Amino acid sequence: MKVCVFCQENVDGKNAIPVKEDRIIRIIRKVKKALNIAQLNELYVCEDDLKKHKERRKTFEKSMLFASVLAGVIVLIMIGALVLSGRFDIGALVSAFIIGAFVLILPIFRYAPALESDVPQKVYSASGLRLCAGSDIPMQTNPAKTRIATAPEKKTGRKKRKDGVK
């Protein structure tokens, strides 16, 4: 099903922009598949929610930038304190990186996915509808009838090796 990430409504027949599949979305999908709760929706942002989504994405990017700078400063201060104290403690070094990672993870809770383009397009269901050239009118196509016939492959009687050598 094609769903808007902002309002969670079906976007079939509406103008919408597809969401870019990035690392965070892939991780969320893997976790949901592992828990058997995956719905495998195609994610979009409908035209009505586009402005709100762009504002939300902008605030996410700002908070991620601030968190990365803050995490870097915290790690540098903690490593600097280790160097200035004259003692090297592996536990303090590891805790510095753990705190930095924790600070970097916090903005992900306000995550807003990136969009593939800025121009909304009509979204149709996967039932074989395509747009006619230069218009918003859908036309029905049957992929089985438009298949190009090809000649069958010759069988030489030899088996191909897996390593590619003849």
N, C-alpha and C. Protein backbone atom coordinates (compact mmCIF):
# COMPACT_ATOMS: atom_id res chain seq x y z
N MET A 1 0.85 -1.18 0.00
CA MET A 1 0.00 0.00 0.00
C MET A 1 0.89 1.23 0.00
N LYS A 2 0.47 2.26 -0.64
CA LYS A 2 1.21 3.51 -0.72
C LYS A 2 0.64 4.48 0.30
N VAL A 3 1.49 4.86 1.28
CA VAL A 3 1.02 5.60 2.45
C VAL A 3 1.83 6.87 2.63
N CYS A 4 1.16 7.94 3.07
CA CYS A 4 1.82 9.20 3.43
C CYS A 4 2.46 9.02 4.81
N VAL A 5 3.73 9.39 4.95
CA VAL A 5 4.42 9.22 6.24
C VAL A 5 3.94 10.25 7.26
N PHE A 6 3.34 11.31 6.82
CA PHE A 6 2.93 12.37 7.73
C PHE A 6 1.52 12.13 8.29
N CYS A 7 0.57 11.85 7.40
CA CYS A 7 -0.83 11.68 7.85
C CYS A 7 -1.28 10.21 7.87
N GLN A 8 -0.45 9.27 7.43
CA GLN A 8 -0.72 7.84 7.40
C GLN A 8 -1.97 7.46 6.59
N GLU A 9 -2.26 8.23 5.55
CA GLU A 9 -3.40 7.93 4.69
C GLU A 9 -2.91 7.37 3.36
N ASN A 10 -3.78 6.63 2.69
CA ASN A 10 -3.47 6.08 1.38
C ASN A 10 -3.34 7.22 0.36
N VAL A 11 -2.33 7.17 -0.52
CA VAL A 11 -2.11 8.25 -1.47
C VAL A 11 -2.44 7.86 -2.90
N ASP A 12 -3.10 6.71 -3.12
CA ASP A 12 -3.49 6.31 -4.47
C ASP A 12 -4.40 7.36 -5.08
N GLY A 13 -4.06 7.83 -6.28
CA GLY A 13 -4.84 8.82 -6.98
C GLY A 13 -4.56 10.25 -6.56
N LYS A 14 -3.66 10.48 -5.60
CA LYS A 14 -3.33 11.83 -5.14
C LYS A 14 -1.95 12.23 -5.65
N ASN A 15 -1.65 13.51 -5.56
CA ASN A 15 -0.30 13.99 -5.86
C ASN A 15 0.56 13.77 -4.63
N ALA A 16 1.73 13.15 -4.83
CA ALA A 16 2.61 12.85 -3.70
C ALA A 16 4.05 12.73 -4.19
N ILE A 17 4.99 12.78 -3.25
CA ILE A 17 6.41 12.63 -3.54
C ILE A 17 6.92 11.39 -2.81
N PRO A 18 7.65 10.51 -3.50
CA PRO A 18 8.17 9.33 -2.82
C PRO A 18 9.28 9.69 -1.83
N VAL A 19 9.39 8.89 -0.76
CA VAL A 19 10.40 9.08 0.27
C VAL A 19 11.64 8.28 -0.12
N LYS A 20 12.81 8.86 0.11
CA LYS A 20 14.07 8.20 -0.20
C LYS A 20 14.34 7.10 0.82
N GLU A 21 14.70 5.91 0.33
CA GLU A 21 15.03 4.78 1.21
C GLU A 21 16.46 4.97 1.70
N ASP A 22 16.63 5.40 2.93
CA ASP A 22 17.97 5.60 3.47
C ASP A 22 18.25 4.57 4.56
N ARG A 23 19.40 4.72 5.23
CA ARG A 23 19.81 3.74 6.25
C ARG A 23 18.80 3.58 7.37
N ILE A 24 18.28 4.68 7.84
CA ILE A 24 17.36 4.62 8.98
C ILE A 24 16.08 3.86 8.62
N ILE A 25 15.54 4.11 7.45
CA ILE A 25 14.33 3.40 7.02
C ILE A 25 14.63 1.93 6.82
N ARG A 26 15.81 1.60 6.22
CA ARG A 26 16.18 0.20 6.05
C ARG A 26 16.32 -0.52 7.39
N ILE A 27 16.91 0.15 8.38
CA ILE A 27 17.07 -0.45 9.72
C ILE A 27 15.70 -0.68 10.36
N ILE A 28 14.81 0.30 10.24
CA ILE A 28 13.46 0.15 10.80
C ILE A 28 12.74 -1.01 10.13
N ARG A 29 12.88 -1.13 8.80
CA ARG A 29 12.23 -2.24 8.09
C ARG A 29 12.80 -3.59 8.53
N LYS A 30 14.14 -3.68 8.72
CA LYS A 30 14.75 -4.94 9.16
C LYS A 30 14.26 -5.34 10.56
N VAL A 31 14.18 -4.36 11.47
CA VAL A 31 13.70 -4.64 12.82
C VAL A 31 12.24 -5.11 12.76
N LYS A 32 11.41 -4.44 11.96
CA LYS A 32 10.00 -4.83 11.86
C LYS A 32 9.85 -6.22 11.23
N LYS A 33 10.70 -6.56 10.24
CA LYS A 33 10.65 -7.90 9.65
C LYS A 33 11.05 -8.95 10.68
N ALA A 34 12.08 -8.63 11.48
CA ALA A 34 12.52 -9.57 12.51
C ALA A 34 11.43 -9.81 13.55
N LEU A 35 10.62 -8.80 13.84
CA LEU A 35 9.54 -8.92 14.81
C LEU A 35 8.21 -9.37 14.18
N ASN A 36 8.24 -9.60 12.86
CA ASN A 36 7.05 -10.01 12.09
C ASN A 36 5.91 -9.01 12.19
N ILE A 37 6.23 -7.73 12.18
CA ILE A 37 5.18 -6.69 12.17
C ILE A 37 5.32 -5.77 10.97
N ALA A 38 6.12 -6.18 9.98
CA ALA A 38 6.36 -5.34 8.80
C ALA A 38 5.12 -5.30 7.92
N GLN A 39 4.79 -4.10 7.44
CA GLN A 39 3.66 -3.93 6.52
C GLN A 39 4.12 -3.73 5.09
N LEU A 40 5.42 -3.42 4.89
CA LEU A 40 6.04 -3.23 3.58
C LEU A 40 5.31 -2.19 2.73
N ASN A 41 4.93 -1.08 3.34
CA ASN A 41 4.28 0.01 2.61
C ASN A 41 5.31 0.78 1.80
N GLU A 42 4.84 1.36 0.70
CA GLU A 42 5.66 2.31 -0.05
C GLU A 42 5.39 3.67 0.58
N LEU A 43 6.45 4.39 0.93
CA LEU A 43 6.29 5.63 1.69
C LEU A 43 6.31 6.85 0.77
N TYR A 44 5.36 7.74 1.00
CA TYR A 44 5.21 8.97 0.23
C TYR A 44 4.91 10.12 1.20
N VAL A 45 4.97 11.36 0.67
CA VAL A 45 4.46 12.52 1.38
C VAL A 45 3.44 13.16 0.44
N CYS A 46 2.20 13.25 0.89
CA CYS A 46 1.15 13.81 0.03
C CYS A 46 1.33 15.33 -0.08
N GLU A 47 0.74 15.87 -1.12
CA GLU A 47 0.90 17.30 -1.43
C GLU A 47 0.37 18.19 -0.30
N ASP A 48 -0.66 17.74 0.40
CA ASP A 48 -1.24 18.53 1.50
C ASP A 48 -0.26 18.69 2.66
N ASP A 49 0.54 17.68 2.93
CA ASP A 49 1.47 17.70 4.07
C ASP A 49 2.90 18.06 3.69
N LEU A 50 3.12 18.43 2.45
CA LEU A 50 4.48 18.68 1.96
C LEU A 50 5.18 19.81 2.72
N LYS A 51 4.47 20.92 2.95
CA LYS A 51 5.08 22.07 3.64
C LYS A 51 5.46 21.70 5.07
N LYS A 52 4.54 21.03 5.78
CA LYS A 52 4.81 20.62 7.16
C LYS A 52 5.98 19.63 7.22
N HIS A 53 6.05 18.73 6.24
CA HIS A 53 7.13 17.75 6.22
C HIS A 53 8.48 18.42 5.97
N LYS A 54 8.51 19.39 5.07
CA LYS A 54 9.77 20.09 4.80
C LYS A 54 10.27 20.83 6.03
N GLU A 55 9.35 21.45 6.79
CA GLU A 55 9.74 22.13 8.02
C GLU A 55 10.28 21.13 9.05
N ARG A 56 9.60 20.00 9.15
CA ARG A 56 10.04 18.96 10.09
C ARG A 56 11.42 18.41 9.69
N ARG A 57 11.64 18.22 8.39
CA ARG A 57 12.94 17.73 7.90
C ARG A 57 14.04 18.74 8.20
N LYS A 58 13.72 20.01 8.02
CA LYS A 58 14.70 21.07 8.28
C LYS A 58 15.10 21.09 9.76
N THR A 59 14.14 20.96 10.66
CA THR A 59 14.47 20.95 12.10
C THR A 59 15.25 19.69 12.46
N PHE A 60 14.95 18.56 11.81
CA PHE A 60 15.72 17.34 12.05
C PHE A 60 17.17 17.52 11.63
N GLU A 61 17.39 18.10 10.45
CA GLU A 61 18.76 18.32 9.97
C GLU A 61 19.53 19.25 10.90
N LYS A 62 18.86 20.31 11.39
CA LYS A 62 19.52 21.23 12.32
C LYS A 62 19.88 20.52 13.62
N SER A 63 18.94 19.75 14.17
CA SER A 63 19.22 19.06 15.44
C SER A 63 20.30 17.99 15.26
N MET A 64 20.36 17.34 14.10
CA MET A 64 21.40 16.35 13.85
C MET A 64 22.77 17.03 13.75
N LEU A 65 22.83 18.18 13.11
CA LEU A 65 24.08 18.94 13.00
C LEU A 65 24.55 19.39 14.38
N PHE A 66 23.63 19.92 15.17
CA PHE A 66 23.97 20.37 16.52
C PHE A 66 24.45 19.20 17.38
N ALA A 67 23.77 18.06 17.28
CA ALA A 67 24.15 16.88 18.07
C ALA A 67 25.52 16.36 17.67
N SER A 68 25.83 16.37 16.38
CA SER A 68 27.14 15.88 15.95
C SER A 68 28.26 16.80 16.44
N VAL A 69 28.04 18.11 16.40
CA VAL A 69 29.04 19.05 16.91
C VAL A 69 29.19 18.87 18.42
N LEU A 70 28.08 18.76 19.12
CA LEU A 70 28.11 18.57 20.58
C LEU A 70 28.81 17.27 20.95
N ALA A 71 28.53 16.19 20.24
CA ALA A 71 29.17 14.90 20.52
C ALA A 71 30.68 15.00 20.29
N GLY A 72 31.08 15.68 19.23
CA GLY A 72 32.51 15.86 18.96
C GLY A 72 33.19 16.65 20.06
N VAL A 73 32.56 17.71 20.51
CA VAL A 73 33.13 18.54 21.58
C VAL A 73 33.24 17.74 22.88
N ILE A 74 32.21 16.98 23.21
CA ILE A 74 32.24 16.18 24.45
C ILE A 74 33.38 15.16 24.40
N VAL A 75 33.51 14.47 23.26
CA VAL A 75 34.58 13.47 23.13
C VAL A 75 35.94 14.14 23.23
N LEU A 76 36.12 15.29 22.56
CA LEU A 76 37.41 15.99 22.62
C LEU A 76 37.73 16.46 24.03
N ILE A 77 36.74 16.98 24.75
CA ILE A 77 36.98 17.43 26.13
C ILE A 77 37.37 16.25 27.02
N MET A 78 36.66 15.14 26.87
CA MET A 78 36.98 13.99 27.72
C MET A 78 38.36 13.42 27.39
N ILE A 79 38.73 13.37 26.11
CA ILE A 79 40.06 12.89 25.73
C ILE A 79 41.12 13.88 26.19
N GLY A 80 40.82 15.18 26.05
CA GLY A 80 41.75 16.21 26.53
C GLY A 80 41.98 16.12 28.02
N ALA A 81 40.93 15.84 28.78
CA ALA A 81 41.07 15.69 30.23
C ALA A 81 41.95 14.48 30.56
N LEU A 82 41.81 13.41 29.78
CA LEU A 82 42.66 12.24 29.99
C LEU A 82 44.13 12.57 29.75
N VAL A 83 44.38 13.29 28.67
CA VAL A 83 45.77 13.65 28.33
C VAL A 83 46.35 14.59 29.37
N LEU A 84 45.57 15.58 29.79
CA LEU A 84 46.07 16.55 30.78
C LEU A 84 46.27 15.94 32.16
N SER A 85 45.54 14.89 32.49
CA SER A 85 45.70 14.27 33.80
C SER A 85 46.97 13.42 33.87
N GLY A 86 47.51 13.06 32.73
CA GLY A 86 48.74 12.29 32.69
C GLY A 86 48.51 10.80 32.83
N ARG A 87 47.28 10.36 32.99
CA ARG A 87 46.98 8.94 33.09
C ARG A 87 46.12 8.53 31.90
N PHE A 88 46.39 7.35 31.41
CA PHE A 88 45.58 6.83 30.32
C PHE A 88 44.69 5.74 30.87
N ASP A 89 43.38 5.95 30.79
CA ASP A 89 42.42 4.98 31.29
C ASP A 89 41.52 4.57 30.13
N ILE A 90 41.57 3.29 29.76
CA ILE A 90 40.79 2.81 28.64
C ILE A 90 39.28 2.91 28.92
N GLY A 91 38.87 2.77 30.17
CA GLY A 91 37.46 2.89 30.54
C GLY A 91 36.93 4.29 30.29
N ALA A 92 37.74 5.30 30.59
CA ALA A 92 37.31 6.68 30.35
C ALA A 92 37.23 6.97 28.86
N LEU A 93 38.15 6.40 28.08
CA LEU A 93 38.13 6.59 26.62
C LEU A 93 36.89 5.95 26.01
N VAL A 94 36.58 4.74 26.44
CA VAL A 94 35.39 4.05 25.93
C VAL A 94 34.13 4.79 26.35
N SER A 95 34.08 5.27 27.58
CA SER A 95 32.89 6.01 28.03
C SER A 95 32.72 7.31 27.27
N ALA A 96 33.83 7.94 26.86
CA ALA A 96 33.73 9.17 26.06
C ALA A 96 33.03 8.88 24.73
N PHE A 97 33.40 7.78 24.09
CA PHE A 97 32.77 7.42 22.81
C PHE A 97 31.33 6.96 23.00
N ILE A 98 31.04 6.31 24.10
CA ILE A 98 29.65 5.89 24.37
C ILE A 98 28.75 7.11 24.59
N ILE A 99 29.24 8.08 25.33
CA ILE A 99 28.46 9.31 25.56
C ILE A 99 28.26 10.06 24.24
N GLY A 100 29.33 10.13 23.42
CA GLY A 100 29.22 10.77 22.10
C GLY A 100 28.20 10.08 21.22
N ALA A 101 28.20 8.74 21.22
CA ALA A 101 27.23 7.99 20.41
C ALA A 101 25.81 8.21 20.92
N PHE A 102 25.64 8.27 22.24
CA PHE A 102 24.32 8.53 22.82
C PHE A 102 23.78 9.89 22.39
N VAL A 103 24.66 10.90 22.40
CA VAL A 103 24.24 12.24 21.98
C VAL A 103 23.85 12.24 20.50
N LEU A 104 24.55 11.43 19.68
CA LEU A 104 24.22 11.35 18.25
C LEU A 104 22.91 10.60 17.98
N ILE A 105 22.57 9.67 18.85
CA ILE A 105 21.35 8.88 18.63
C ILE A 105 20.09 9.65 19.01
N LEU A 106 20.18 10.57 19.94
CA LEU A 106 18.98 11.30 20.41
C LEU A 106 18.18 11.99 19.29
N PRO A 107 18.81 12.70 18.34
CA PRO A 107 17.98 13.36 17.31
C PRO A 107 17.25 12.40 16.38
N ILE A 108 17.63 11.14 16.34
CA ILE A 108 16.96 10.20 15.44
C ILE A 108 15.51 9.97 15.86
N PHE A 109 15.18 10.24 17.11
CA PHE A 109 13.79 10.10 17.55
C PHE A 109 12.89 11.17 16.91
N ARG A 110 13.47 12.21 16.36
CA ARG A 110 12.70 13.25 15.66
C ARG A 110 12.90 13.13 14.15
N TYR A 111 13.20 11.93 13.67
CA TYR A 111 13.56 11.69 12.27
C TYR A 111 12.43 12.02 11.31
N ALA A 112 12.80 12.69 10.22
CA ALA A 112 11.89 12.95 9.11
C ALA A 112 12.64 12.56 7.84
N PRO A 113 12.15 11.61 7.05
CA PRO A 113 12.89 11.11 5.90
C PRO A 113 13.03 12.14 4.78
N ALA A 114 14.10 11.98 4.00
CA ALA A 114 14.34 12.85 2.85
C ALA A 114 13.40 12.45 1.71
N LEU A 115 13.16 13.38 0.80
CA LEU A 115 12.29 13.14 -0.35
C LEU A 115 13.13 12.93 -1.60
N GLU A 116 12.60 12.16 -2.55
CA GLU A 116 13.34 11.89 -3.79
C GLU A 116 13.35 13.08 -4.74
N SER A 117 12.32 13.92 -4.69
CA SER A 117 12.25 15.09 -5.57
C SER A 117 11.45 16.18 -4.87
N ASP A 118 11.30 17.31 -5.53
CA ASP A 118 10.52 18.40 -4.97
C ASP A 118 9.16 18.56 -5.65
N VAL A 119 8.95 17.83 -6.75
CA VAL A 119 7.73 17.98 -7.54
C VAL A 119 6.79 16.81 -7.28
N PRO A 120 5.60 17.07 -6.74
CA PRO A 120 4.64 15.98 -6.52
C PRO A 120 4.08 15.46 -7.84
N GLN A 121 3.87 14.15 -7.92
CA GLN A 121 3.30 13.52 -9.10
C GLN A 121 2.13 12.64 -8.67
N LYS A 122 1.24 12.38 -9.62
CA LYS A 122 0.09 11.50 -9.34
C LYS A 122 0.60 10.10 -9.02
N VAL A 123 0.02 9.50 -8.00
CA VAL A 123 0.40 8.15 -7.58
C VAL A 123 -0.77 7.22 -7.89
N TYR A 124 -0.46 6.13 -8.57
CA TYR A 124 -1.49 5.13 -8.88
C TYR A 124 -1.10 3.81 -8.26
N SER A 125 -2.09 2.98 -8.05
CA SER A 125 -1.83 1.67 -7.45
C SER A 125 -1.08 0.80 -8.45
N ALA A 126 -0.57 -0.30 -7.99
CA ALA A 126 0.25 -1.17 -8.81
C ALA A 126 -0.59 -2.12 -9.66
N SER A 127 -1.81 -1.76 -9.98
CA SER A 127 -2.69 -2.65 -10.74
C SER A 127 -2.50 -2.50 -12.25
N GLY A 128 -1.40 -1.93 -12.67
CA GLY A 128 -1.13 -1.84 -14.10
C GLY A 128 -1.49 -0.50 -14.70
N LEU A 129 -1.80 0.51 -13.92
CA LEU A 129 -2.14 1.81 -14.46
C LEU A 129 -0.86 2.58 -14.78
N ARG A 130 -0.83 3.20 -15.94
CA ARG A 130 0.27 4.07 -16.32
C ARG A 130 -0.32 5.37 -16.86
N LEU A 131 0.48 6.42 -16.85
CA LEU A 131 0.00 7.69 -17.39
C LEU A 131 0.21 7.73 -18.90
N CYS A 132 -0.79 8.31 -19.60
CA CYS A 132 -0.61 8.56 -21.01
C CYS A 132 0.44 9.65 -21.16
N ALA A 133 1.14 9.65 -22.27
CA ALA A 133 2.21 10.61 -22.48
C ALA A 133 1.66 12.03 -22.43
N GLY A 134 2.20 12.86 -21.56
CA GLY A 134 1.86 14.27 -21.49
C GLY A 134 0.54 14.59 -20.81
N SER A 135 -0.04 13.67 -20.06
CA SER A 135 -1.31 13.98 -19.39
C SER A 135 -1.38 13.27 -18.05
N ASP A 136 -2.43 13.58 -17.29
CA ASP A 136 -2.66 12.93 -16.01
C ASP A 136 -3.69 11.81 -16.12
N ILE A 137 -4.04 11.42 -17.34
CA ILE A 137 -5.06 10.41 -17.55
C ILE A 137 -4.39 9.04 -17.54
N PRO A 138 -4.84 8.16 -16.66
CA PRO A 138 -4.23 6.82 -16.64
C PRO A 138 -4.72 5.96 -17.78
N MET A 139 -3.85 5.08 -18.27
CA MET A 139 -4.26 4.12 -19.28
C MET A 139 -3.95 2.73 -18.74
N GLN A 140 -4.80 1.79 -19.07
CA GLN A 140 -4.62 0.43 -18.59
C GLN A 140 -3.67 -0.30 -19.53
N THR A 141 -2.67 -0.95 -18.96
CA THR A 141 -1.76 -1.75 -19.78
C THR A 141 -1.70 -3.15 -19.21
N ASN A 142 -1.46 -4.08 -20.07
CA ASN A 142 -1.31 -5.46 -19.66
C ASN A 142 0.09 -5.90 -20.04
N PRO A 143 0.99 -6.04 -19.07
CA PRO A 143 2.36 -6.39 -19.39
C PRO A 143 2.50 -7.74 -20.08
N ALA A 144 1.57 -8.66 -19.86
CA ALA A 144 1.65 -9.97 -20.49
C ALA A 144 1.49 -9.87 -22.00
N LYS A 145 0.67 -8.93 -22.47
CA LYS A 145 0.44 -8.79 -23.90
C LYS A 145 1.54 -7.97 -24.58
N THR A 146 2.27 -7.17 -23.84
CA THR A 146 3.30 -6.32 -24.45
C THR A 146 4.68 -6.94 -24.35
N ARG A 147 4.77 -8.20 -23.97
CA ARG A 147 6.05 -8.88 -23.85
C ARG A 147 6.63 -9.11 -25.24
N ILE A 148 7.91 -8.92 -25.40
CA ILE A 148 8.59 -9.12 -26.67
C ILE A 148 9.04 -10.57 -26.74
N ALA A 149 8.72 -11.21 -27.84
CA ALA A 149 9.10 -12.61 -28.01
C ALA A 149 10.58 -12.70 -28.34
N THR A 150 11.26 -13.62 -27.72
CA THR A 150 12.69 -13.84 -27.99
C THR A 150 12.90 -15.30 -28.32
N ALA A 151 13.98 -15.56 -29.05
CA ALA A 151 14.30 -16.93 -29.41
C ALA A 151 14.83 -17.66 -28.19
N PRO A 152 14.51 -18.94 -28.06
CA PRO A 152 15.01 -19.69 -26.91
C PRO A 152 16.53 -19.86 -27.00
N GLU A 153 17.16 -19.98 -25.83
CA GLU A 153 18.61 -20.13 -25.79
C GLU A 153 19.00 -21.51 -26.31
N LYS A 154 20.17 -21.54 -27.00
CA LYS A 154 20.68 -22.82 -27.48
C LYS A 154 21.28 -23.58 -26.32
N LYS A 155 21.06 -24.88 -26.30
CA LYS A 155 21.67 -25.72 -25.29
C LYS A 155 22.86 -26.42 -25.93
N THR A 156 24.02 -26.21 -25.36
CA THR A 156 25.23 -26.79 -25.94
C THR A 156 25.58 -28.12 -25.31
N GLY A 157 24.92 -28.51 -24.26
CA GLY A 157 25.23 -29.76 -23.60
C GLY A 157 26.33 -29.62 -22.56
N ARG A 158 27.01 -28.49 -22.56
CA ARG A 158 28.06 -28.24 -21.57
C ARG A 158 27.48 -27.48 -20.40
N LYS A 159 27.97 -27.78 -19.24
CA LYS A 159 27.56 -27.04 -18.05
C LYS A 159 28.51 -25.89 -17.83
N LYS A 160 27.98 -24.77 -17.43
CA LYS A 160 28.82 -23.62 -17.10
C LYS A 160 29.43 -23.80 -15.72
N ARG A 161 30.70 -23.45 -15.63
CA ARG A 161 31.35 -23.51 -14.33
C ARG A 161 31.03 -22.27 -13.54
N LYS A 162 31.04 -22.39 -12.23
CA LYS A 162 30.70 -21.28 -11.37
C LYS A 162 31.75 -20.18 -11.39
N ASP A 163 33.00 -20.55 -11.65
CA ASP A 163 34.07 -19.54 -11.63
C ASP A 163 34.21 -18.81 -12.95
N GLY A 164 33.42 -19.12 -13.96
CA GLY A 164 33.42 -18.39 -15.22
C GLY A 164 34.39 -18.92 -16.25
N VAL A 165 35.18 -19.95 -15.95
CA VAL A 165 36.14 -20.51 -16.88
C VAL A 165 35.43 -21.55 -17.74
N LYS A 166 35.75 -21.56 -19.06
CA LYS A 166 35.11 -22.52 -19.97
C LYS A 166 35.79 -23.87 -19.90
